[in-house]
PDB file of N, CA and C in Angstrom:
ATOM      1  N   UNK A   1      79.106  97.569  82.282  1.00  0.00           N
ATOM      2  CA  UNK A   1      78.403  97.976  81.090  1.00  0.00           C
ATOM      3  C   UNK A   1      78.995  97.330  79.860  1.00  0.00           C
ATOM      4  N   UNK A   2      78.364  97.571  78.776  1.00  0.00           N
ATOM      5  CA  UNK A   2      78.852  97.024  77.510  1.00  0.00           C
ATOM      6  C   UNK A   2      79.007  98.144  76.488  1.00  0.00           C
ATOM      7  N   UNK A   3      79.777  97.863  75.461  1.00  0.00           N
ATOM      8  CA  UNK A   3      80.038  98.810  74.379  1.00  0.00           C
ATOM      9  C   UNK A   3      79.294  98.366  73.135  1.00  0.00           C
ATOM     10  N   UNK A   4      78.821  99.324  72.356  1.00  0.00           N
ATOM     11  CA  UNK A   4      78.255  99.013  71.046  1.00  0.00           C
ATOM     12  C   UNK A   4      78.690 100.099  70.073  1.00  0.00           C
ATOM     13  N   UNK A   5      78.934  99.695  68.834  1.00  0.00           N
ATOM     14  CA  UNK A   5      79.412 100.629  67.814  1.00  0.00           C
ATOM     15  C   UNK A   5      78.318 101.611  67.426  1.00  0.00           C
ATOM     16  N   UNK A   6      78.715 102.871  67.265  1.00  0.00           N
ATOM     17  CA  UNK A   6      77.825 103.924  66.776  1.00  0.00           C
ATOM     18  C   UNK A   6      78.386 104.399  65.451  1.00  0.00           C
ATOM     19  N   UNK A   7      77.604 104.333  64.396  1.00  0.00           N
ATOM     20  CA  UNK A   7      78.051 104.793  63.084  1.00  0.00           C
ATOM     21  C   UNK A   7      79.001 103.822  62.409  1.00  0.00           C
ATOM     22  N   UNK A   8      79.523 104.274  61.269  1.00  0.00           N
ATOM     23  CA  UNK A   8      80.432 103.462  60.454  1.00  0.00           C
ATOM     24  C   UNK A   8      81.841 103.473  61.050  1.00  0.00           C
ATOM     25  N   UNK A   9      82.682 102.533  60.588  1.00  0.00           N
ATOM     26  CA  UNK A   9      84.085 102.510  60.985  1.00  0.00           C
ATOM     27  C   UNK A   9      84.765 103.815  60.588  1.00  0.00           C
ATOM     28  N   UNK A  10      85.713 104.260  61.398  1.00  0.00           N
ATOM     29  CA  UNK A  10      86.561 105.398  61.059  1.00  0.00           C
ATOM     30  C   UNK A  10      87.887 104.831  60.577  1.00  0.00           C
ATOM     31  N   UNK A  11      88.316 105.225  59.397  1.00  0.00           N
ATOM     32  CA  UNK A  11      89.525 104.673  58.791  1.00  0.00           C
ATOM     33  C   UNK A  11      90.611 105.725  58.651  1.00  0.00           C
ATOM     34  N   UNK A  12      91.861 105.279  58.725  1.00  0.00           N
ATOM     35  CA  UNK A  12      93.001 106.152  58.474  1.00  0.00           C
ATOM     36  C   UNK A  12      93.215 106.340  56.983  1.00  0.00           C
ATOM     37  N   UNK A  13      94.303 107.026  56.646  1.00  0.00           N
ATOM     38  CA  UNK A  13      94.597 107.302  55.240  1.00  0.00           C
ATOM     39  C   UNK A  13      95.253 106.128  54.529  1.00  0.00           C
ATOM     40  N   UNK A  14      96.036 105.343  55.258  1.00  0.00           N
ATOM     41  CA  UNK A  14      96.769 104.240  54.646  1.00  0.00           C
ATOM     42  C   UNK A  14      96.660 103.004  55.534  1.00  0.00           C
ATOM     43  N   UNK A  15      96.851 101.859  54.933  1.00  0.00           N
ATOM     44  CA  UNK A  15      96.686 100.592  55.648  1.00  0.00           C
ATOM     45  C   UNK A  15      97.598 100.483  56.866  1.00  0.00           C
ATOM     46  N   UNK A  16      98.806 101.006  56.773  1.00  0.00           N
ATOM     47  CA  UNK A  16      99.799 100.812  57.828  1.00  0.00           C
ATOM     48  C   UNK A  16     100.059 102.058  58.669  1.00  0.00           C
ATOM     49  N   UNK A  17      99.141 103.019  58.708  1.00  0.00           N
ATOM     50  CA  UNK A  17      99.420 104.266  59.434  1.00  0.00           C
ATOM     51  C   UNK A  17      99.099 104.186  60.929  1.00  0.00           C
ATOM     52  N   UNK A  18      98.633 103.026  61.376  1.00  0.00           N
ATOM     53  CA  UNK A  18      98.310 102.769  62.785  1.00  0.00           C
ATOM     54  C   UNK A  18      97.243 103.720  63.329  1.00  0.00           C
ATOM     55  N   UNK A  19      96.282 104.026  62.470  1.00  0.00           N
ATOM     56  CA  UNK A  19      95.146 104.852  62.876  1.00  0.00           C
ATOM     57  C   UNK A  19      94.389 104.143  63.990  1.00  0.00           C
ATOM     58  N   UNK A  20      94.166 104.845  65.086  1.00  0.00           N
ATOM     59  CA  UNK A  20      93.453 104.257  66.213  1.00  0.00           C
ATOM     60  C   UNK A  20      94.348 103.697  67.296  1.00  0.00           C
ATOM     61  N   UNK A  21      95.654 103.891  67.160  1.00  0.00           N
ATOM     62  CA  UNK A  21      96.569 103.400  68.197  1.00  0.00           C
ATOM     63  C   UNK A  21      96.204 103.991  69.555  1.00  0.00           C
ATOM     64  N   UNK A  22      95.877 105.278  69.558  1.00  0.00           N
ATOM     65  CA  UNK A  22      95.416 105.945  70.775  1.00  0.00           C
ATOM     66  C   UNK A  22      94.079 106.608  70.488  1.00  0.00           C
ATOM     67  N   UNK A  23      93.150 106.478  71.412  1.00  0.00           N
ATOM     68  CA  UNK A  23      91.815 107.058  71.253  1.00  0.00           C
ATOM     69  C   UNK A  23      91.401 107.696  72.575  1.00  0.00           C
ATOM     70  N   UNK A  24      90.803 108.872  72.489  1.00  0.00           N
ATOM     71  CA  UNK A  24      90.243 109.535  73.664  1.00  0.00           C
ATOM     72  C   UNK A  24      88.787 109.868  73.362  1.00  0.00           C
ATOM     73  N   UNK A  25      87.913 109.623  74.323  1.00  0.00           N
ATOM     74  CA  UNK A  25      86.475 109.822  74.134  1.00  0.00           C
ATOM     75  C   UNK A  25      85.975 110.835  75.161  1.00  0.00           C
ATOM     76  N   UNK A  26      85.167 111.788  74.714  1.00  0.00           N
ATOM     77  CA  UNK A  26      84.599 112.780  75.631  1.00  0.00           C
ATOM     78  C   UNK A  26      83.675 112.098  76.642  1.00  0.00           C
ATOM     79  N   UNK A  27      83.417 112.779  77.738  1.00  0.00           N
ATOM     80  CA  UNK A  27      82.558 112.217  78.789  1.00  0.00           C
ATOM     81  C   UNK A  27      81.185 111.811  78.275  1.00  0.00           C
ATOM     82  N   UNK A  28      80.624 112.592  77.346  1.00  0.00           N
ATOM     83  CA  UNK A  28      79.286 112.264  76.834  1.00  0.00           C
ATOM     84  C   UNK A  28      79.319 111.347  75.610  1.00  0.00           C
ATOM     85  N   UNK A  29      80.531 110.982  75.143  1.00  0.00           N
ATOM     86  CA  UNK A  29      80.671 110.028  74.043  1.00  0.00           C
ATOM     87  C   UNK A  29      80.412 110.577  72.659  1.00  0.00           C
ATOM     88  N   UNK A  30      80.282 111.884  72.512  1.00  0.00           N
ATOM     89  CA  UNK A  30      79.969 112.455  71.196  1.00  0.00           C
ATOM     90  C   UNK A  30      81.182 113.042  70.483  1.00  0.00           C
ATOM     91  N   UNK A  31      82.350 113.013  71.112  1.00  0.00           N
ATOM     92  CA  UNK A  31      83.576 113.499  70.462  1.00  0.00           C
ATOM     93  C   UNK A  31      84.691 112.507  70.749  1.00  0.00           C
ATOM     94  N   UNK A  32      85.446 112.156  69.696  1.00  0.00           N
ATOM     95  CA  UNK A  32      86.606 111.286  69.862  1.00  0.00           C
ATOM     96  C   UNK A  32      87.819 111.922  69.194  1.00  0.00           C
ATOM     97  N   UNK A  33      88.980 111.661  69.764  1.00  0.00           N
ATOM     98  CA  UNK A  33      90.264 112.035  69.172  1.00  0.00           C
ATOM     99  C   UNK A  33      90.989 110.731  68.871  1.00  0.00           C
ATOM    100  N   UNK A  34      91.467 110.584  67.629  1.00  0.00           N
ATOM    101  CA  UNK A  34      92.082 109.337  67.185  1.00  0.00           C
ATOM    102  C   UNK A  34      93.453 109.641  66.592  1.00  0.00           C
ATOM    103  N   UNK A  35      94.496 108.969  67.103  1.00  0.00           N
ATOM    104  CA  UNK A  35      95.839 109.207  66.578  1.00  0.00           C
ATOM    105  C   UNK A  35      96.142 108.285  65.406  1.00  0.00           C
ATOM    106  N   UNK A  36      97.051 108.756  64.581  1.00  0.00           N
ATOM    107  CA  UNK A  36      97.579 107.988  63.458  1.00  0.00           C
ATOM    108  C   UNK A  36      99.084 108.202  63.491  1.00  0.00           C
ATOM    109  N   UNK A  37      99.792 107.350  64.222  1.00  0.00           N
ATOM    110  CA  UNK A  37     101.188 107.623  64.568  1.00  0.00           C
ATOM    111  C   UNK A  37     102.173 107.494  63.416  1.00  0.00           C
ATOM    112  N   UNK A  38     101.820 106.783  62.354  1.00  0.00           N
ATOM    113  CA  UNK A  38     102.757 106.620  61.246  1.00  0.00           C
ATOM    114  C   UNK A  38     102.272 107.302  59.978  1.00  0.00           C
ATOM    115  N   UNK A  39     101.421 108.269  60.106  1.00  0.00           N
ATOM    116  CA  UNK A  39     100.920 109.000  58.949  1.00  0.00           C
ATOM    117  C   UNK A  39     101.992 109.935  58.411  1.00  0.00           C
ATOM    118  N   UNK A  40     102.057 110.092  57.089  1.00  0.00           N
ATOM    119  CA  UNK A  40     102.937 111.042  56.417  1.00  0.00           C
ATOM    120  C   UNK A  40     104.378 110.944  56.909  1.00  0.00           C
ATOM    121  N   UNK A  41     105.053 109.912  56.470  1.00  0.00           N
ATOM    122  CA  UNK A  41     106.481 109.727  56.783  1.00  0.00           C
ATOM    123  C   UNK A  41     106.760 109.729  58.283  1.00  0.00           C
ATOM    124  N   UNK A  42     105.911 109.057  59.025  1.00  0.00           N
ATOM    125  CA  UNK A  42     106.058 108.860  60.465  1.00  0.00           C
ATOM    126  C   UNK A  42     105.858 110.122  61.303  1.00  0.00           C
ATOM    127  N   UNK A  43     105.343 111.206  60.709  1.00  0.00           N
ATOM    128  CA  UNK A  43     105.123 112.422  61.501  1.00  0.00           C
ATOM    129  C   UNK A  43     103.871 112.312  62.362  1.00  0.00           C
ATOM    130  N   UNK A  44     102.901 111.530  61.924  1.00  0.00           N
ATOM    131  CA  UNK A  44     101.680 111.304  62.683  1.00  0.00           C
ATOM    132  C   UNK A  44     100.746 112.495  62.725  1.00  0.00           C
ATOM    133  N   UNK A  45      99.531 112.242  63.146  1.00  0.00           N
ATOM    134  CA  UNK A  45      98.563 113.304  63.389  1.00  0.00           C
ATOM    135  C   UNK A  45      97.404 112.760  64.219  1.00  0.00           C
ATOM    136  N   UNK A  46      96.536 113.666  64.640  1.00  0.00           N
ATOM    137  CA  UNK A  46      95.333 113.311  65.391  1.00  0.00           C
ATOM    138  C   UNK A  46      94.137 113.884  64.656  1.00  0.00           C
ATOM    139  N   UNK A  47      93.095 113.094  64.520  1.00  0.00           N
ATOM    140  CA  UNK A  47      91.834 113.572  63.958  1.00  0.00           C
ATOM    141  C   UNK A  47      90.791 113.612  65.068  1.00  0.00           C
ATOM    142  N   UNK A  48      89.954 114.638  65.015  1.00  0.00           N
ATOM    143  CA  UNK A  48      88.855 114.798  65.961  1.00  0.00           C
ATOM    144  C   UNK A  48      87.552 114.576  65.200  1.00  0.00           C
ATOM    145  N   UNK A  49      86.646 113.796  65.781  1.00  0.00           N
ATOM    146  CA  UNK A  49      85.346 113.523  65.168  1.00  0.00           C
ATOM    147  C   UNK A  49      84.240 113.834  66.164  1.00  0.00           C
ATOM    148  N   UNK A  50      83.152 114.408  65.665  1.00  0.00           N
ATOM    149  CA  UNK A  50      81.941 114.620  66.451  1.00  0.00           C
ATOM    150  C   UNK A  50      80.846 113.707  65.917  1.00  0.00           C
ATOM    151  N   UNK A  51      80.037 113.162  66.832  1.00  0.00           N
ATOM    152  CA  UNK A  51      78.932 112.270  66.457  1.00  0.00           C
ATOM    153  C   UNK A  51      77.605 112.993  66.630  1.00  0.00           C
ATOM    154  N   UNK A  52      76.759 112.830  65.631  1.00  0.00           N
ATOM    155  CA  UNK A  52      75.397 113.353  65.700  1.00  0.00           C
ATOM    156  C   UNK A  52      74.494 112.436  64.898  1.00  0.00           C
ATOM    157  N   UNK A  53      73.463 111.925  65.515  1.00  0.00           N
ATOM    158  CA  UNK A  53      72.515 111.060  64.822  1.00  0.00           C
ATOM    159  C   UNK A  53      73.120 109.795  64.252  1.00  0.00           C
ATOM    160  N   UNK A  54      74.165 109.274  64.887  1.00  0.00           N
ATOM    161  CA  UNK A  54      74.790 108.039  64.423  1.00  0.00           C
ATOM    162  C   UNK A  54      75.820 108.232  63.330  1.00  0.00           C
ATOM    163  N   UNK A  55      76.170 109.477  63.015  1.00  0.00           N
ATOM    164  CA  UNK A  55      77.170 109.768  61.985  1.00  0.00           C
ATOM    165  C   UNK A  55      78.341 110.518  62.610  1.00  0.00           C
ATOM    166  N   UNK A  56      79.563 110.082  62.299  1.00  0.00           N
ATOM    167  CA  UNK A  56      80.774 110.743  62.769  1.00  0.00           C
ATOM    168  C   UNK A  56      81.273 111.694  61.688  1.00  0.00           C
ATOM    169  N   UNK A  57      81.558 112.944  62.071  1.00  0.00           N
ATOM    170  CA  UNK A  57      82.037 113.960  61.142  1.00  0.00           C
ATOM    171  C   UNK A  57      83.365 114.504  61.651  1.00  0.00           C
ATOM    172  N   UNK A  58      84.365 114.524  60.755  1.00  0.00           N
ATOM    173  CA  UNK A  58      85.672 115.048  61.142  1.00  0.00           C
ATOM    174  C   UNK A  58      85.580 116.549  61.402  1.00  0.00           C
ATOM    175  N   UNK A  59      86.216 116.989  62.486  1.00  0.00           N
ATOM    176  CA  UNK A  59      86.281 118.405  62.839  1.00  0.00           C
ATOM    177  C   UNK A  59      87.572 118.961  62.248  1.00  0.00           C
ATOM    178  N   UNK A  60      87.479 119.994  61.425  1.00  0.00           N
ATOM    179  CA  UNK A  60      88.667 120.558  60.793  1.00  0.00           C
ATOM    180  C   UNK A  60      89.186 119.670  59.683  1.00  0.00           C
ATOM    181  N   UNK A  61      90.403 119.948  59.258  1.00  0.00           N
ATOM    182  CA  UNK A  61      91.016 119.176  58.174  1.00  0.00           C
ATOM    183  C   UNK A  61      92.334 118.588  58.653  1.00  0.00           C
ATOM    184  N   UNK A  62      92.888 117.692  57.855  1.00  0.00           N
ATOM    185  CA  UNK A  62      94.168 117.065  58.210  1.00  0.00           C
ATOM    186  C   UNK A  62      95.278 118.087  58.191  1.00  0.00           C
TER     187      UNK A  62
END
């Protein structure tokens, strides 16, 4: 199979925070978890996004 982008790019908070180093995608492709390993003084975090109608929306807050 092939991959195609759905929606706009998802960006981290800072240029060097390594947002997207690790990504996990749900079986149906409508939820992703994206790590940002160098966010906030190297403490890192994970953001969860849900897709609906070609738009990705962050679940919860940072």
